[in-house]
Amino acid sequence: MSTLVHETWGNHEALIARTQTNKSGNVGHITPQTAQLASTDNPFEFEYGQSLEHITINYETYGELNLAKDNAILICHALTGSAHAAGT
């Protein structure tokens, strides 16, 4: 059985059919994060002279890094059909 979920992020919208999740496949603790990549004091400079003064990204982390810090995976949300790979 699936549930229809409407998501909006920025100027984008999606109607997503989500199936029931398997409890044994839990990804662990989900933590929303924010990182500021550019600011008025530290703008992002493009190759041909233009710049952006405000770049903030939002992302989620699932679970925790292990001691070797080799259990991280980057998932681009455009490939998942949602801005949330496993979160809400």
N, C-alpha and C. Protein backbone atom coordinates (compact mmCIF):
# COMPACT_ATOMS: atom_id res chain seq x y z
N MET A 1 0.84 -1.18 0.00
CA MET A 1 0.00 0.00 0.00
C MET A 1 0.88 1.24 0.00
N SER A 2 0.50 2.26 -0.78
CA SER A 2 1.27 3.50 -0.80
C SER A 2 0.45 4.67 -0.29
N THR A 3 1.17 5.68 0.13
CA THR A 3 0.58 6.93 0.58
C THR A 3 1.08 8.02 -0.33
N LEU A 4 0.17 8.90 -0.79
CA LEU A 4 0.60 10.03 -1.61
C LEU A 4 1.01 11.17 -0.70
N VAL A 5 2.19 11.72 -0.97
CA VAL A 5 2.74 12.81 -0.18
C VAL A 5 3.05 13.96 -1.11
N HIS A 6 2.57 15.16 -0.77
CA HIS A 6 2.88 16.35 -1.56
C HIS A 6 4.02 17.08 -0.88
N GLU A 7 5.10 17.33 -1.63
CA GLU A 7 6.25 18.05 -1.08
C GLU A 7 6.51 19.29 -1.90
N THR A 8 6.90 20.37 -1.22
CA THR A 8 7.26 21.62 -1.88
C THR A 8 8.61 22.05 -1.33
N TRP A 9 9.54 22.41 -2.19
CA TRP A 9 10.83 22.95 -1.77
C TRP A 9 11.21 24.02 -2.77
N GLY A 10 11.36 25.26 -2.28
CA GLY A 10 11.63 26.38 -3.18
C GLY A 10 10.48 26.56 -4.15
N ASN A 11 10.79 26.62 -5.45
CA ASN A 11 9.78 26.75 -6.50
C ASN A 11 9.37 25.41 -7.06
N HIS A 12 9.72 24.32 -6.42
CA HIS A 12 9.48 22.98 -6.95
C HIS A 12 8.43 22.26 -6.11
N GLU A 13 7.65 21.43 -6.78
CA GLU A 13 6.65 20.62 -6.10
C GLU A 13 6.69 19.21 -6.64
N ALA A 14 6.27 18.26 -5.83
CA ALA A 14 6.19 16.87 -6.29
C ALA A 14 5.09 16.15 -5.52
N LEU A 15 4.41 15.26 -6.21
CA LEU A 15 3.47 14.34 -5.58
C LEU A 15 4.13 12.98 -5.63
N ILE A 16 4.46 12.43 -4.46
CA ILE A 16 5.28 11.23 -4.38
C ILE A 16 4.46 10.10 -3.76
N ALA A 17 4.51 8.94 -4.38
CA ALA A 17 3.87 7.75 -3.82
C ALA A 17 4.89 7.03 -2.96
N ARG A 18 4.64 6.97 -1.67
CA ARG A 18 5.57 6.30 -0.75
C ARG A 18 4.95 5.00 -0.27
N THR A 19 5.74 3.96 -0.29
CA THR A 19 5.28 2.68 0.23
C THR A 19 5.57 2.62 1.72
N GLN A 20 4.96 1.67 2.39
CA GLN A 20 5.24 1.50 3.81
C GLN A 20 6.69 1.08 3.97
N THR A 21 7.35 1.63 4.98
CA THR A 21 8.76 1.32 5.19
C THR A 21 8.91 0.06 6.02
N ASN A 22 10.02 -0.59 5.80
CA ASN A 22 10.37 -1.78 6.56
C ASN A 22 11.09 -1.32 7.82
N LYS A 23 10.54 -1.63 8.98
CA LYS A 23 11.14 -1.18 10.25
C LYS A 23 12.57 -1.68 10.43
N SER A 24 12.92 -2.82 9.85
CA SER A 24 14.28 -3.34 10.01
C SER A 24 15.28 -2.55 9.18
N GLY A 25 14.81 -1.72 8.24
CA GLY A 25 15.70 -0.94 7.40
C GLY A 25 15.89 0.48 7.91
N ASN A 26 15.77 0.70 9.19
CA ASN A 26 15.88 2.03 9.78
C ASN A 26 17.25 2.63 9.51
N VAL A 27 17.28 3.89 9.09
CA VAL A 27 18.55 4.56 8.80
C VAL A 27 19.16 5.19 10.04
N GLY A 28 18.49 5.13 11.16
CA GLY A 28 19.03 5.72 12.38
C GLY A 28 18.54 7.14 12.58
N HIS A 29 19.25 7.87 13.38
CA HIS A 29 18.88 9.24 13.74
C HIS A 29 19.04 10.16 12.53
N ILE A 30 17.99 10.93 12.20
CA ILE A 30 18.02 11.86 11.08
C ILE A 30 18.17 13.27 11.63
N THR A 31 19.21 13.99 11.17
CA THR A 31 19.48 15.34 11.66
C THR A 31 19.50 16.33 10.52
N PRO A 32 18.55 17.29 10.48
CA PRO A 32 18.61 18.35 9.47
C PRO A 32 19.81 19.26 9.75
N GLN A 33 20.52 19.66 8.71
CA GLN A 33 21.71 20.49 8.84
C GLN A 33 21.62 21.68 7.88
N THR A 34 22.34 22.75 8.17
CA THR A 34 22.44 23.92 7.30
C THR A 34 23.90 24.34 7.25
N ALA A 35 24.37 24.70 6.07
CA ALA A 35 25.74 25.20 5.92
C ALA A 35 25.71 26.45 5.05
N GLN A 36 26.40 27.49 5.49
CA GLN A 36 26.49 28.71 4.71
C GLN A 36 27.79 28.67 3.92
N LEU A 37 27.68 28.65 2.58
CA LEU A 37 28.85 28.54 1.72
C LEU A 37 29.38 29.88 1.25
N ALA A 38 28.56 30.92 1.33
CA ALA A 38 29.00 32.25 0.92
C ALA A 38 28.21 33.28 1.72
N SER A 39 28.82 34.45 1.93
CA SER A 39 28.17 35.53 2.65
C SER A 39 28.67 36.86 2.09
N THR A 40 28.12 37.96 2.58
CA THR A 40 28.56 39.28 2.14
C THR A 40 30.05 39.45 2.39
N ASP A 41 30.54 38.96 3.53
CA ASP A 41 31.96 39.07 3.87
C ASP A 41 32.83 38.06 3.14
N ASN A 42 32.23 36.98 2.65
CA ASN A 42 32.98 35.92 1.98
C ASN A 42 32.19 35.41 0.78
N PRO A 43 32.08 36.23 -0.30
CA PRO A 43 31.27 35.82 -1.46
C PRO A 43 31.90 34.68 -2.25
N PHE A 44 31.05 33.94 -2.96
CA PHE A 44 31.51 32.90 -3.86
C PHE A 44 31.86 33.57 -5.18
N GLU A 45 33.11 33.47 -5.60
CA GLU A 45 33.58 34.13 -6.83
C GLU A 45 33.59 33.16 -7.99
N PHE A 46 32.92 33.54 -9.09
CA PHE A 46 32.95 32.74 -10.31
C PHE A 46 34.18 33.08 -11.13
N GLU A 47 34.51 32.21 -12.05
CA GLU A 47 35.72 32.34 -12.88
C GLU A 47 35.77 33.66 -13.65
N TYR A 48 34.62 34.15 -14.12
CA TYR A 48 34.61 35.35 -14.96
C TYR A 48 34.22 36.62 -14.22
N GLY A 49 34.36 36.62 -12.89
CA GLY A 49 34.21 37.84 -12.12
C GLY A 49 32.90 38.03 -11.37
N GLN A 50 31.85 37.32 -11.74
CA GLN A 50 30.60 37.46 -11.00
C GLN A 50 30.75 36.80 -9.63
N SER A 51 29.84 37.16 -8.73
CA SER A 51 29.89 36.55 -7.41
C SER A 51 28.49 36.40 -6.83
N LEU A 52 28.36 35.49 -5.90
CA LEU A 52 27.13 35.31 -5.12
C LEU A 52 27.47 35.56 -3.66
N GLU A 53 26.65 36.39 -3.01
CA GLU A 53 26.93 36.73 -1.61
C GLU A 53 26.17 35.88 -0.61
N HIS A 54 25.16 35.16 -1.06
CA HIS A 54 24.36 34.37 -0.12
C HIS A 54 24.11 32.99 -0.70
N ILE A 55 24.82 32.00 -0.19
CA ILE A 55 24.59 30.61 -0.57
C ILE A 55 24.46 29.80 0.73
N THR A 56 23.29 29.26 0.93
CA THR A 56 23.04 28.40 2.08
C THR A 56 22.48 27.09 1.57
N ILE A 57 23.01 25.99 2.04
CA ILE A 57 22.48 24.69 1.64
C ILE A 57 21.87 24.00 2.86
N ASN A 58 20.85 23.21 2.60
CA ASN A 58 20.21 22.39 3.62
C ASN A 58 20.44 20.94 3.25
N TYR A 59 20.73 20.12 4.24
CA TYR A 59 20.94 18.70 3.99
C TYR A 59 20.58 17.92 5.25
N GLU A 60 20.51 16.62 5.12
CA GLU A 60 20.20 15.77 6.25
C GLU A 60 21.30 14.72 6.41
N THR A 61 21.60 14.41 7.65
CA THR A 61 22.51 13.30 7.93
C THR A 61 21.71 12.19 8.59
N TYR A 62 22.09 10.97 8.29
CA TYR A 62 21.40 9.79 8.81
C TYR A 62 22.40 8.95 9.59
N GLY A 63 22.09 8.66 10.84
CA GLY A 63 23.00 7.87 11.65
C GLY A 63 24.23 8.67 12.04
N GLU A 64 25.33 7.98 12.27
CA GLU A 64 26.57 8.62 12.70
C GLU A 64 27.75 8.07 11.91
N LEU A 65 28.77 8.91 11.75
CA LEU A 65 30.01 8.44 11.12
C LEU A 65 30.69 7.43 12.03
N ASN A 66 31.32 6.43 11.42
CA ASN A 66 32.11 5.50 12.23
C ASN A 66 33.48 6.13 12.51
N LEU A 67 34.31 5.48 13.29
CA LEU A 67 35.61 6.05 13.65
C LEU A 67 36.49 6.31 12.44
N ALA A 68 36.41 5.46 11.42
CA ALA A 68 37.22 5.64 10.21
C ALA A 68 36.63 6.72 9.30
N LYS A 69 35.40 7.17 9.58
CA LYS A 69 34.69 8.17 8.78
C LYS A 69 34.59 7.76 7.32
N ASP A 70 34.37 6.47 7.09
CA ASP A 70 34.28 5.97 5.72
C ASP A 70 32.91 5.38 5.38
N ASN A 71 31.91 5.73 6.18
CA ASN A 71 30.57 5.22 5.92
C ASN A 71 29.61 6.31 5.44
N ALA A 72 30.14 7.36 4.82
CA ALA A 72 29.32 8.47 4.32
C ALA A 72 28.99 8.26 2.84
N ILE A 73 27.77 8.60 2.47
CA ILE A 73 27.32 8.51 1.08
C ILE A 73 26.62 9.82 0.75
N LEU A 74 26.94 10.43 -0.39
CA LEU A 74 26.26 11.63 -0.86
C LEU A 74 25.15 11.22 -1.82
N ILE A 75 23.93 11.64 -1.53
CA ILE A 75 22.79 11.35 -2.41
C ILE A 75 22.25 12.69 -2.90
N CYS A 76 22.26 12.90 -4.20
CA CYS A 76 21.69 14.12 -4.78
C CYS A 76 20.19 13.96 -4.85
N HIS A 77 19.44 14.91 -4.28
CA HIS A 77 17.99 14.72 -4.19
C HIS A 77 17.33 14.65 -5.55
N ALA A 78 17.94 15.20 -6.59
CA ALA A 78 17.34 15.10 -7.92
C ALA A 78 17.26 13.64 -8.38
N LEU A 79 18.06 12.79 -7.78
CA LEU A 79 18.05 11.37 -8.13
C LEU A 79 17.07 10.57 -7.29
N THR A 80 16.55 11.15 -6.22
CA THR A 80 15.65 10.42 -5.33
C THR A 80 14.19 10.78 -5.53
N GLY A 81 13.90 11.83 -6.27
CA GLY A 81 12.52 12.27 -6.45
C GLY A 81 11.99 13.04 -5.27
N SER A 82 12.85 13.34 -4.31
CA SER A 82 12.45 14.06 -3.10
C SER A 82 13.68 14.70 -2.50
N ALA A 83 13.46 15.77 -1.76
CA ALA A 83 14.57 16.40 -1.05
C ALA A 83 14.97 15.60 0.18
N HIS A 84 14.21 14.56 0.50
CA HIS A 84 14.48 13.73 1.67
C HIS A 84 14.74 12.30 1.22
N ALA A 85 15.99 11.88 1.28
CA ALA A 85 16.32 10.51 0.88
C ALA A 85 15.67 9.50 1.81
N ALA A 86 15.64 9.81 3.12
CA ALA A 86 15.01 8.90 4.07
C ALA A 86 14.24 9.65 5.14
N GLY A 87 14.46 10.95 5.26
CA GLY A 87 13.78 11.73 6.28
C GLY A 87 12.44 12.25 5.80
N THR A 88 11.89 13.20 6.56
CA THR A 88 10.61 13.80 6.17
C THR A 88 10.70 15.29 6.22
